[in-house]
């Protein structure tokens, strides 16, 4: 597997590592209640081993940044390039969540903007993909456009449930893009 192939799967690897970090952080903090807390509580001053969560987010952010660079290289038009660029910005905000952990002033700003940047990235990438005739493109566009609606309208039991929803949307998009590229690589003549 070459570097380009490895970069193609970096989004999937980042998603897996993010969930592992969250689960380990929950395991070492048995006081955490999914329907009452925020995931960021796992990196705050009252957490046991907050560095697991905070450094884990920074590692995940580095992998997301590598994935975004791959998507910029893979992009087939300017809209896909812009969408992938927004993923790189989202990666920076993700890293800043680990730096500005729960209890610091900019924490709410950086965590909100991580999800906002990723929704925008999904929408723009999807539109660019649709313009290239991709069947998944319109689905990606609509997912990026519609995913903030439940986030705003539903009365979520906790910040963690809302964050899990946002992470799942990102994971679905990442899987769709990775699968789409993998399928197009398989069908391309050698």
N, C-alpha and C. Protein backbone atom coordinates (compact mmCIF):
# COMPACT_ATOMS: atom_id res chain seq x y z
N UNK A 1 0.85 -1.17 0.00
CA UNK A 1 0.00 0.00 0.00
C UNK A 1 0.90 1.23 0.00
N UNK A 2 0.74 2.07 -1.03
CA UNK A 2 1.53 3.28 -1.15
C UNK A 2 1.01 4.40 -0.26
N UNK A 3 1.75 5.50 -0.25
CA UNK A 3 1.38 6.65 0.57
C UNK A 3 0.03 7.21 0.16
N UNK A 4 -0.22 7.29 -1.14
CA UNK A 4 -1.51 7.82 -1.62
C UNK A 4 -2.67 6.93 -1.14
N UNK A 5 -2.48 5.62 -1.21
CA UNK A 5 -3.52 4.70 -0.75
C UNK A 5 -3.75 4.85 0.75
N UNK A 6 -2.67 5.00 1.49
CA UNK A 6 -2.80 5.17 2.94
C UNK A 6 -3.53 6.48 3.26
N UNK A 7 -3.20 7.55 2.55
CA UNK A 7 -3.86 8.84 2.76
C UNK A 7 -5.35 8.75 2.45
N UNK A 8 -5.72 7.93 1.47
CA UNK A 8 -7.12 7.75 1.10
C UNK A 8 -7.95 7.24 2.28
N UNK A 9 -7.35 6.42 3.11
CA UNK A 9 -8.06 5.81 4.23
C UNK A 9 -7.84 6.55 5.56
N UNK A 10 -7.14 7.67 5.52
CA UNK A 10 -6.82 8.39 6.74
C UNK A 10 -8.08 8.93 7.43
N UNK A 11 -9.11 9.26 6.69
CA UNK A 11 -10.36 9.71 7.30
C UNK A 11 -11.02 8.60 8.11
N UNK A 12 -11.02 7.39 7.57
CA UNK A 12 -11.58 6.24 8.28
C UNK A 12 -10.75 5.94 9.52
N UNK A 13 -9.43 5.99 9.37
CA UNK A 13 -8.54 5.75 10.51
C UNK A 13 -8.78 6.80 11.59
N UNK A 14 -8.93 8.06 11.18
CA UNK A 14 -9.20 9.15 12.14
C UNK A 14 -10.51 8.90 12.89
N UNK A 15 -11.54 8.46 12.17
CA UNK A 15 -12.83 8.19 12.82
C UNK A 15 -12.71 7.08 13.85
N UNK A 16 -11.99 6.02 13.50
CA UNK A 16 -11.81 4.90 14.43
C UNK A 16 -11.04 5.36 15.67
N UNK A 17 -9.96 6.10 15.45
CA UNK A 17 -9.16 6.58 16.58
C UNK A 17 -9.98 7.52 17.46
N UNK A 18 -10.78 8.39 16.86
CA UNK A 18 -11.61 9.31 17.65
C UNK A 18 -12.53 8.54 18.59
N UNK A 19 -13.20 7.51 18.07
CA UNK A 19 -14.11 6.73 18.92
C UNK A 19 -13.35 5.94 19.98
N UNK A 20 -12.17 5.44 19.64
CA UNK A 20 -11.35 4.73 20.63
C UNK A 20 -10.95 5.68 21.76
N UNK A 21 -10.53 6.89 21.39
CA UNK A 21 -10.15 7.90 22.39
C UNK A 21 -11.34 8.23 23.29
N UNK A 22 -12.50 8.43 22.70
CA UNK A 22 -13.70 8.74 23.48
C UNK A 22 -14.03 7.59 24.43
N UNK A 23 -14.00 6.36 23.92
CA UNK A 23 -14.34 5.20 24.76
C UNK A 23 -13.33 4.97 25.89
N UNK A 24 -12.05 5.13 25.59
CA UNK A 24 -11.04 4.99 26.65
C UNK A 24 -11.22 6.08 27.70
N UNK A 25 -11.47 7.30 27.24
CA UNK A 25 -11.67 8.41 28.17
C UNK A 25 -12.89 8.18 29.06
N UNK A 26 -13.95 7.63 28.49
CA UNK A 26 -15.14 7.30 29.29
C UNK A 26 -14.80 6.19 30.29
N UNK A 27 -14.04 5.20 29.85
CA UNK A 27 -13.67 4.08 30.70
C UNK A 27 -12.88 4.53 31.94
N UNK A 28 -11.94 5.48 31.75
CA UNK A 28 -11.14 5.95 32.89
C UNK A 28 -11.86 7.03 33.71
N UNK A 29 -13.02 7.45 33.24
CA UNK A 29 -13.84 8.44 33.95
C UNK A 29 -15.24 7.88 34.15
N UNK A 30 -15.41 6.94 35.08
CA UNK A 30 -16.70 6.26 35.24
C UNK A 30 -17.84 7.18 35.67
N UNK A 31 -17.54 8.39 36.09
CA UNK A 31 -18.57 9.36 36.45
C UNK A 31 -19.28 9.91 35.21
N UNK A 32 -18.67 9.74 34.03
CA UNK A 32 -19.23 10.29 32.79
C UNK A 32 -20.55 9.59 32.45
N UNK A 33 -21.58 10.39 32.18
CA UNK A 33 -22.88 9.86 31.78
C UNK A 33 -23.22 10.46 30.41
N UNK A 34 -23.37 9.58 29.43
CA UNK A 34 -23.59 10.00 28.04
C UNK A 34 -24.78 10.95 27.89
N UNK A 35 -25.83 10.72 28.65
CA UNK A 35 -27.03 11.55 28.52
C UNK A 35 -27.02 12.77 29.44
N UNK A 36 -25.89 13.02 30.09
CA UNK A 36 -25.82 14.17 30.98
C UNK A 36 -24.62 15.07 30.71
N UNK A 37 -23.53 14.51 30.24
CA UNK A 37 -22.29 15.25 30.08
C UNK A 37 -22.03 15.63 28.62
N UNK A 38 -20.92 16.35 28.45
CA UNK A 38 -20.37 16.63 27.12
C UNK A 38 -19.10 15.81 26.97
N UNK A 39 -18.78 15.39 25.75
CA UNK A 39 -17.52 14.67 25.55
C UNK A 39 -16.34 15.50 26.05
N UNK A 40 -16.44 16.81 25.89
CA UNK A 40 -15.34 17.69 26.31
C UNK A 40 -15.08 17.63 27.80
N UNK A 41 -16.06 17.20 28.59
CA UNK A 41 -15.83 17.03 30.03
C UNK A 41 -14.69 16.04 30.28
N UNK A 42 -14.49 15.13 29.33
CA UNK A 42 -13.44 14.11 29.45
C UNK A 42 -12.04 14.71 29.33
N UNK A 43 -11.96 15.95 28.83
CA UNK A 43 -10.66 16.62 28.71
C UNK A 43 -10.55 17.83 29.62
N UNK A 44 -11.54 18.02 30.47
CA UNK A 44 -11.57 19.18 31.36
C UNK A 44 -10.82 18.96 32.65
N UNK A 45 -10.79 19.98 33.49
CA UNK A 45 -10.02 19.91 34.74
C UNK A 45 -10.52 18.89 35.74
N UNK A 46 -11.79 18.50 35.67
CA UNK A 46 -12.30 17.51 36.62
C UNK A 46 -12.13 16.07 36.12
N UNK A 47 -11.61 15.92 34.93
CA UNK A 47 -11.44 14.57 34.35
C UNK A 47 -10.19 13.90 34.89
N UNK A 48 -10.26 12.60 34.96
CA UNK A 48 -9.09 11.79 35.29
C UNK A 48 -8.37 11.51 33.97
N UNK A 49 -7.09 11.76 33.93
CA UNK A 49 -6.27 11.61 32.71
C UNK A 49 -6.85 12.39 31.53
N UNK A 50 -7.07 13.71 31.68
CA UNK A 50 -7.63 14.50 30.58
C UNK A 50 -6.75 14.52 29.34
N UNK A 51 -5.47 14.23 29.51
CA UNK A 51 -4.56 14.23 28.38
C UNK A 51 -4.93 13.16 27.35
N UNK A 52 -5.56 12.08 27.78
CA UNK A 52 -5.96 11.04 26.82
C UNK A 52 -6.92 11.65 25.80
N UNK A 53 -7.92 12.35 26.29
CA UNK A 53 -8.91 12.96 25.41
C UNK A 53 -8.29 14.09 24.59
N UNK A 54 -7.59 14.99 25.26
CA UNK A 54 -7.06 16.17 24.57
C UNK A 54 -6.00 15.82 23.53
N UNK A 55 -5.04 14.97 23.89
CA UNK A 55 -4.02 14.57 22.91
C UNK A 55 -4.63 13.67 21.84
N UNK A 56 -5.63 12.88 22.24
CA UNK A 56 -6.32 12.04 21.25
C UNK A 56 -7.01 12.88 20.19
N UNK A 57 -7.62 13.99 20.61
CA UNK A 57 -8.24 14.89 19.63
C UNK A 57 -7.19 15.51 18.72
N UNK A 58 -6.04 15.86 19.28
CA UNK A 58 -4.98 16.46 18.47
C UNK A 58 -4.45 15.44 17.45
N UNK A 59 -4.29 14.19 17.87
CA UNK A 59 -3.86 13.14 16.95
C UNK A 59 -4.91 12.94 15.86
N UNK A 60 -6.17 12.88 16.25
CA UNK A 60 -7.26 12.72 15.28
C UNK A 60 -7.24 13.88 14.30
N UNK A 61 -7.03 15.09 14.81
CA UNK A 61 -6.98 16.28 13.95
C UNK A 61 -5.86 16.18 12.92
N UNK A 62 -4.71 15.67 13.34
CA UNK A 62 -3.58 15.51 12.40
C UNK A 62 -3.95 14.53 11.28
N UNK A 63 -4.65 13.45 11.63
CA UNK A 63 -5.07 12.47 10.62
C UNK A 63 -6.13 13.06 9.69
N UNK A 64 -7.04 13.85 10.24
CA UNK A 64 -8.06 14.52 9.42
C UNK A 64 -7.39 15.50 8.47
N UNK A 65 -6.37 16.20 8.94
CA UNK A 65 -5.64 17.13 8.08
C UNK A 65 -4.96 16.38 6.92
N UNK A 66 -4.36 15.25 7.21
CA UNK A 66 -3.75 14.44 6.14
C UNK A 66 -4.82 14.00 5.14
N UNK A 67 -5.98 13.58 5.65
CA UNK A 67 -7.08 13.17 4.78
C UNK A 67 -7.54 14.35 3.91
N UNK A 68 -7.61 15.54 4.48
CA UNK A 68 -8.04 16.70 3.70
C UNK A 68 -7.03 17.03 2.60
N UNK A 69 -5.75 16.87 2.90
CA UNK A 69 -4.72 17.09 1.88
C UNK A 69 -4.90 16.09 0.74
N UNK A 70 -5.17 14.85 1.10
CA UNK A 70 -5.44 13.83 0.08
C UNK A 70 -6.66 14.24 -0.77
N UNK A 71 -7.73 14.69 -0.10
CA UNK A 71 -8.93 15.09 -0.85
C UNK A 71 -8.66 16.28 -1.77
N UNK A 72 -7.82 17.20 -1.35
CA UNK A 72 -7.44 18.32 -2.21
C UNK A 72 -6.74 17.79 -3.46
N UNK A 73 -5.85 16.82 -3.27
CA UNK A 73 -5.14 16.22 -4.41
C UNK A 73 -6.09 15.42 -5.29
N UNK A 74 -7.05 14.76 -4.69
CA UNK A 74 -8.01 13.91 -5.41
C UNK A 74 -9.12 14.72 -6.07
N UNK A 75 -9.39 15.92 -5.59
CA UNK A 75 -10.54 16.70 -6.06
C UNK A 75 -10.52 16.88 -7.57
N UNK A 76 -11.74 16.89 -8.13
CA UNK A 76 -11.89 16.93 -9.58
C UNK A 76 -12.35 18.29 -10.08
N UNK A 77 -12.68 19.21 -9.18
CA UNK A 77 -13.08 20.56 -9.58
C UNK A 77 -12.84 21.51 -8.42
N UNK A 78 -13.08 22.78 -8.67
CA UNK A 78 -12.80 23.79 -7.65
C UNK A 78 -13.68 23.65 -6.42
N UNK A 79 -14.93 23.26 -6.59
CA UNK A 79 -15.81 23.11 -5.44
C UNK A 79 -15.34 21.99 -4.52
N UNK A 80 -14.93 20.87 -5.10
CA UNK A 80 -14.39 19.79 -4.27
C UNK A 80 -13.12 20.26 -3.55
N UNK A 81 -12.29 21.04 -4.24
CA UNK A 81 -11.08 21.57 -3.61
C UNK A 81 -11.43 22.47 -2.42
N UNK A 82 -12.42 23.33 -2.61
CA UNK A 82 -12.85 24.22 -1.52
C UNK A 82 -13.43 23.39 -0.37
N UNK A 83 -14.25 22.39 -0.68
CA UNK A 83 -14.81 21.52 0.36
C UNK A 83 -13.72 20.83 1.15
N UNK A 84 -12.72 20.29 0.46
CA UNK A 84 -11.60 19.63 1.14
C UNK A 84 -10.80 20.63 1.97
N UNK A 85 -10.70 21.86 1.49
CA UNK A 85 -9.99 22.90 2.24
C UNK A 85 -10.72 23.22 3.54
N UNK A 86 -12.05 23.21 3.49
CA UNK A 86 -12.82 23.43 4.72
C UNK A 86 -12.61 22.28 5.71
N UNK A 87 -12.37 21.07 5.21
CA UNK A 87 -12.06 19.96 6.11
C UNK A 87 -10.73 20.24 6.82
N UNK A 88 -9.76 20.81 6.10
CA UNK A 88 -8.48 21.13 6.76
C UNK A 88 -8.68 22.20 7.83
N UNK A 89 -9.57 23.15 7.59
CA UNK A 89 -9.87 24.16 8.62
C UNK A 89 -10.56 23.50 9.81
N UNK A 90 -11.50 22.58 9.52
CA UNK A 90 -12.17 21.84 10.60
C UNK A 90 -11.15 21.08 11.43
N UNK A 91 -10.13 20.50 10.78
CA UNK A 91 -9.08 19.76 11.50
C UNK A 91 -8.35 20.67 12.47
N UNK A 92 -8.10 21.90 12.05
CA UNK A 92 -7.43 22.86 12.94
C UNK A 92 -8.31 23.16 14.15
N UNK A 93 -9.61 23.35 13.92
CA UNK A 93 -10.52 23.58 15.04
C UNK A 93 -10.59 22.35 15.96
N UNK A 94 -10.53 21.15 15.40
CA UNK A 94 -10.54 19.93 16.21
C UNK A 94 -9.31 19.90 17.11
N UNK A 95 -8.16 20.23 16.56
CA UNK A 95 -6.94 20.28 17.38
C UNK A 95 -7.08 21.31 18.49
N UNK A 96 -7.71 22.45 18.16
CA UNK A 96 -7.87 23.50 19.16
C UNK A 96 -8.82 23.09 20.29
N UNK A 97 -9.73 22.15 20.02
CA UNK A 97 -10.58 21.64 21.11
C UNK A 97 -9.71 20.95 22.16
N UNK A 98 -8.68 20.24 21.70
CA UNK A 98 -7.75 19.61 22.63
C UNK A 98 -6.87 20.61 23.35
N UNK A 99 -6.52 21.69 22.68
CA UNK A 99 -5.68 22.73 23.29
C UNK A 99 -6.49 23.57 24.27
N UNK A 100 -7.65 24.03 23.79
CA UNK A 100 -8.54 24.85 24.63
C UNK A 100 -9.64 23.94 25.18
N UNK A 101 -9.24 23.10 26.14
CA UNK A 101 -10.13 22.08 26.69
C UNK A 101 -11.27 22.71 27.48
N UNK A 102 -12.18 21.87 27.89
CA UNK A 102 -13.31 22.28 28.72
C UNK A 102 -12.82 23.14 29.89
N UNK A 103 -13.49 24.25 30.11
CA UNK A 103 -13.11 25.13 31.21
C UNK A 103 -12.27 26.31 30.77
N UNK A 104 -11.83 26.33 29.51
CA UNK A 104 -11.09 27.49 29.00
C UNK A 104 -12.03 28.34 28.17
N UNK A 105 -11.72 29.62 28.08
CA UNK A 105 -12.61 30.57 27.43
C UNK A 105 -12.98 30.21 25.98
N UNK A 106 -12.01 29.92 25.10
CA UNK A 106 -12.39 29.69 23.69
C UNK A 106 -12.98 28.32 23.38
N UNK A 107 -13.14 27.46 24.39
CA UNK A 107 -13.56 26.09 24.13
C UNK A 107 -14.87 25.98 23.36
N UNK A 108 -15.90 26.67 23.80
CA UNK A 108 -17.22 26.57 23.15
C UNK A 108 -17.11 27.05 21.71
N UNK A 109 -16.36 28.13 21.48
CA UNK A 109 -16.19 28.67 20.12
C UNK A 109 -15.53 27.65 19.20
N UNK A 110 -14.39 27.07 19.64
CA UNK A 110 -13.67 26.16 18.74
C UNK A 110 -14.43 24.87 18.51
N UNK A 111 -15.15 24.39 19.52
CA UNK A 111 -15.90 23.14 19.32
C UNK A 111 -17.11 23.38 18.41
N UNK A 112 -17.78 24.50 18.56
CA UNK A 112 -18.90 24.82 17.67
C UNK A 112 -18.43 24.98 16.24
N UNK A 113 -17.32 25.68 16.05
CA UNK A 113 -16.83 25.92 14.71
C UNK A 113 -16.24 24.68 14.05
N UNK A 114 -15.79 23.72 14.83
CA UNK A 114 -15.36 22.45 14.24
C UNK A 114 -16.53 21.82 13.48
N UNK A 115 -17.67 21.70 14.14
CA UNK A 115 -18.83 21.08 13.49
C UNK A 115 -19.38 21.95 12.36
N UNK A 116 -19.40 23.26 12.54
CA UNK A 116 -19.89 24.16 11.49
C UNK A 116 -19.02 24.07 10.24
N UNK A 117 -17.70 24.06 10.43
CA UNK A 117 -16.78 23.96 9.29
C UNK A 117 -16.95 22.63 8.56
N UNK A 118 -17.16 21.56 9.32
CA UNK A 118 -17.30 20.25 8.68
C UNK A 118 -18.61 20.16 7.92
N UNK A 119 -19.70 20.71 8.47
CA UNK A 119 -20.98 20.72 7.74
C UNK A 119 -20.84 21.49 6.43
N UNK A 120 -20.17 22.62 6.48
CA UNK A 120 -19.94 23.42 5.28
C UNK A 120 -19.08 22.64 4.28
N UNK A 121 -18.06 21.95 4.78
CA UNK A 121 -17.20 21.14 3.91
C UNK A 121 -17.99 20.05 3.22
N UNK A 122 -18.86 19.37 3.96
CA UNK A 122 -19.67 18.29 3.39
C UNK A 122 -20.57 18.84 2.28
N UNK A 123 -21.20 19.97 2.55
CA UNK A 123 -22.11 20.57 1.59
C UNK A 123 -21.38 20.98 0.31
N UNK A 124 -20.25 21.65 0.45
CA UNK A 124 -19.50 22.13 -0.72
C UNK A 124 -18.90 20.96 -1.49
N UNK A 125 -18.29 19.99 -0.78
CA UNK A 125 -17.75 18.82 -1.47
C UNK A 125 -18.85 18.10 -2.23
N UNK A 126 -19.99 17.91 -1.57
CA UNK A 126 -21.11 17.22 -2.21
C UNK A 126 -21.59 17.92 -3.46
N UNK A 127 -21.68 19.24 -3.42
CA UNK A 127 -22.09 20.00 -4.61
C UNK A 127 -21.08 19.82 -5.73
N UNK A 128 -19.79 19.90 -5.40
CA UNK A 128 -18.75 19.68 -6.41
C UNK A 128 -18.80 18.28 -6.98
N UNK A 129 -19.05 17.31 -6.12
CA UNK A 129 -19.15 15.92 -6.54
C UNK A 129 -20.37 15.72 -7.44
N UNK A 130 -21.49 16.33 -7.08
CA UNK A 130 -22.70 16.24 -7.90
C UNK A 130 -22.47 16.83 -9.28
N UNK A 131 -21.72 17.92 -9.33
CA UNK A 131 -21.43 18.56 -10.63
C UNK A 131 -20.58 17.66 -11.52
N UNK A 132 -19.87 16.69 -10.91
CA UNK A 132 -19.06 15.75 -11.68
C UNK A 132 -19.87 14.51 -12.06
N UNK A 133 -21.15 14.51 -11.71
CA UNK A 133 -22.01 13.38 -12.06
C UNK A 133 -22.02 12.26 -11.05
N UNK A 134 -21.46 12.49 -9.88
CA UNK A 134 -21.44 11.46 -8.84
C UNK A 134 -22.84 11.27 -8.28
N UNK A 135 -23.26 10.01 -8.19
CA UNK A 135 -24.58 9.71 -7.61
C UNK A 135 -24.64 10.12 -6.15
N UNK A 136 -23.54 9.97 -5.44
CA UNK A 136 -23.51 10.30 -4.01
C UNK A 136 -23.45 11.79 -3.75
N UNK A 137 -23.06 12.57 -4.75
CA UNK A 137 -22.84 14.01 -4.56
C UNK A 137 -24.03 14.75 -3.99
N UNK A 138 -25.23 14.51 -4.57
CA UNK A 138 -26.41 15.20 -4.07
C UNK A 138 -26.75 14.76 -2.66
N UNK A 139 -26.53 13.50 -2.35
CA UNK A 139 -26.75 13.02 -0.98
C UNK A 139 -25.80 13.69 0.00
N UNK A 140 -24.53 13.83 -0.40
CA UNK A 140 -23.57 14.52 0.46
C UNK A 140 -23.96 15.98 0.65
N UNK A 141 -24.35 16.62 -0.44
CA UNK A 141 -24.77 18.03 -0.37
C UNK A 141 -25.95 18.19 0.58
N UNK A 142 -26.97 17.35 0.41
CA UNK A 142 -28.16 17.45 1.26
C UNK A 142 -27.83 17.10 2.71
N UNK A 143 -26.92 16.16 2.92
CA UNK A 143 -26.52 15.81 4.28
C UNK A 143 -25.85 17.01 4.95
N UNK A 144 -24.95 17.67 4.25
CA UNK A 144 -24.28 18.86 4.80
C UNK A 144 -25.24 20.00 5.04
N UNK A 145 -26.23 20.14 4.16
CA UNK A 145 -27.22 21.20 4.28
C UNK A 145 -28.20 20.91 5.41
N UNK A 146 -28.65 19.67 5.52
CA UNK A 146 -29.72 19.32 6.46
C UNK A 146 -29.23 18.92 7.85
N UNK A 147 -28.00 18.46 7.97
CA UNK A 147 -27.56 17.94 9.28
C UNK A 147 -27.62 18.96 10.41
N UNK A 148 -27.43 20.26 10.17
CA UNK A 148 -27.57 21.20 11.30
C UNK A 148 -29.02 21.36 11.79
N UNK A 149 -30.00 21.01 10.97
CA UNK A 149 -31.40 21.22 11.35
C UNK A 149 -31.77 20.41 12.59
N UNK A 150 -31.54 19.09 12.62
CA UNK A 150 -31.83 18.36 13.87
C UNK A 150 -30.97 18.84 15.04
N UNK A 151 -29.74 19.26 14.74
CA UNK A 151 -28.87 19.75 15.81
C UNK A 151 -29.49 20.95 16.51
N UNK A 152 -30.21 21.78 15.75
CA UNK A 152 -30.83 22.98 16.31
C UNK A 152 -32.22 22.70 16.86
N UNK A 153 -33.00 21.88 16.16
CA UNK A 153 -34.41 21.71 16.51
C UNK A 153 -34.69 20.67 17.59
N UNK A 154 -33.87 19.65 17.67
CA UNK A 154 -34.11 18.58 18.65
C UNK A 154 -33.59 19.03 20.02
N UNK A 155 -34.36 18.72 21.03
CA UNK A 155 -33.91 18.98 22.40
C UNK A 155 -33.09 17.76 22.84
N UNK A 156 -31.79 17.83 22.65
CA UNK A 156 -30.88 16.73 22.93
C UNK A 156 -30.74 16.57 24.44
N UNK A 157 -30.66 15.33 24.94
CA UNK A 157 -30.55 15.13 26.39
C UNK A 157 -29.24 15.64 26.98
N UNK A 158 -28.20 15.74 26.14
CA UNK A 158 -26.90 16.21 26.63
C UNK A 158 -26.09 16.71 25.44
N UNK A 159 -25.02 17.41 25.78
CA UNK A 159 -24.09 17.84 24.73
C UNK A 159 -23.44 16.64 24.06
N UNK A 160 -23.16 15.58 24.84
CA UNK A 160 -22.52 14.38 24.27
C UNK A 160 -23.40 13.72 23.22
N UNK A 161 -24.71 13.69 23.43
CA UNK A 161 -25.59 13.07 22.42
C UNK A 161 -25.60 13.90 21.14
N UNK A 162 -25.60 15.23 21.29
CA UNK A 162 -25.52 16.11 20.12
C UNK A 162 -24.17 15.96 19.42
N UNK A 163 -23.10 15.89 20.19
CA UNK A 163 -21.77 15.72 19.61
C UNK A 163 -21.66 14.37 18.89
N UNK A 164 -22.22 13.32 19.48
CA UNK A 164 -22.20 12.00 18.83
C UNK A 164 -22.93 12.05 17.50
N UNK A 165 -24.07 12.75 17.47
CA UNK A 165 -24.80 12.93 16.20
C UNK A 165 -23.90 13.60 15.16
N UNK A 166 -23.24 14.68 15.54
CA UNK A 166 -22.36 15.38 14.61
C UNK A 166 -21.21 14.52 14.14
N UNK A 167 -20.63 13.75 15.06
CA UNK A 167 -19.52 12.87 14.70
C UNK A 167 -19.99 11.77 13.74
N UNK A 168 -21.17 11.24 13.97
CA UNK A 168 -21.71 10.20 13.08
C UNK A 168 -21.94 10.76 11.67
N UNK A 169 -22.43 11.98 11.56
CA UNK A 169 -22.60 12.61 10.24
C UNK A 169 -21.24 12.70 9.54
N UNK A 170 -20.23 13.15 10.26
CA UNK A 170 -18.87 13.26 9.69
C UNK A 170 -18.37 11.88 9.28
N UNK A 171 -18.60 10.88 10.11
CA UNK A 171 -18.15 9.52 9.80
C UNK A 171 -18.85 8.96 8.56
N UNK A 172 -20.13 9.23 8.42
CA UNK A 172 -20.88 8.76 7.24
C UNK A 172 -20.32 9.42 5.99
N UNK A 173 -20.11 10.72 6.05
CA UNK A 173 -19.53 11.43 4.90
C UNK A 173 -18.16 10.86 4.54
N UNK A 174 -17.33 10.67 5.55
CA UNK A 174 -15.98 10.15 5.32
C UNK A 174 -16.04 8.77 4.66
N UNK A 175 -16.93 7.93 5.14
CA UNK A 175 -17.09 6.60 4.54
C UNK A 175 -17.57 6.70 3.10
N UNK A 176 -18.52 7.61 2.85
CA UNK A 176 -19.04 7.78 1.48
C UNK A 176 -17.95 8.23 0.52
N UNK A 177 -17.17 9.22 0.92
CA UNK A 177 -16.11 9.74 0.06
C UNK A 177 -15.04 8.68 -0.17
N UNK A 178 -14.66 7.99 0.89
CA UNK A 178 -13.62 6.96 0.77
C UNK A 178 -14.10 5.83 -0.13
N UNK A 179 -15.33 5.39 0.07
CA UNK A 179 -15.86 4.32 -0.77
C UNK A 179 -15.96 4.76 -2.23
N UNK A 180 -16.45 5.98 -2.44
CA UNK A 180 -16.59 6.49 -3.81
C UNK A 180 -15.25 6.53 -4.53
N UNK A 181 -14.21 7.01 -3.83
CA UNK A 181 -12.88 7.05 -4.44
C UNK A 181 -12.35 5.64 -4.68
N UNK A 182 -12.55 4.76 -3.71
CA UNK A 182 -12.10 3.37 -3.85
C UNK A 182 -12.78 2.71 -5.05
N UNK A 183 -14.09 2.93 -5.18
CA UNK A 183 -14.84 2.33 -6.30
C UNK A 183 -14.37 2.90 -7.63
N UNK A 184 -14.11 4.22 -7.68
CA UNK A 184 -13.66 4.81 -8.95
C UNK A 184 -12.25 4.35 -9.30
N UNK A 185 -11.41 4.10 -8.31
CA UNK A 185 -10.07 3.58 -8.57
C UNK A 185 -10.12 2.16 -9.11
N UNK A 186 -11.07 1.36 -8.60
CA UNK A 186 -11.21 -0.02 -9.06
C UNK A 186 -11.72 -0.09 -10.49
N UNK A 187 -12.60 0.87 -10.85
CA UNK A 187 -13.18 0.83 -12.20
C UNK A 187 -12.32 1.54 -13.24
N UNK A 188 -11.32 2.29 -12.78
CA UNK A 188 -10.43 2.99 -13.73
C UNK A 188 -9.55 1.98 -14.44
N UNK A 189 -9.32 2.20 -15.75
CA UNK A 189 -8.45 1.27 -16.48
C UNK A 189 -7.02 1.37 -15.98
N UNK A 190 -6.33 0.26 -15.95
CA UNK A 190 -4.94 0.22 -15.46
C UNK A 190 -3.98 0.27 -16.60
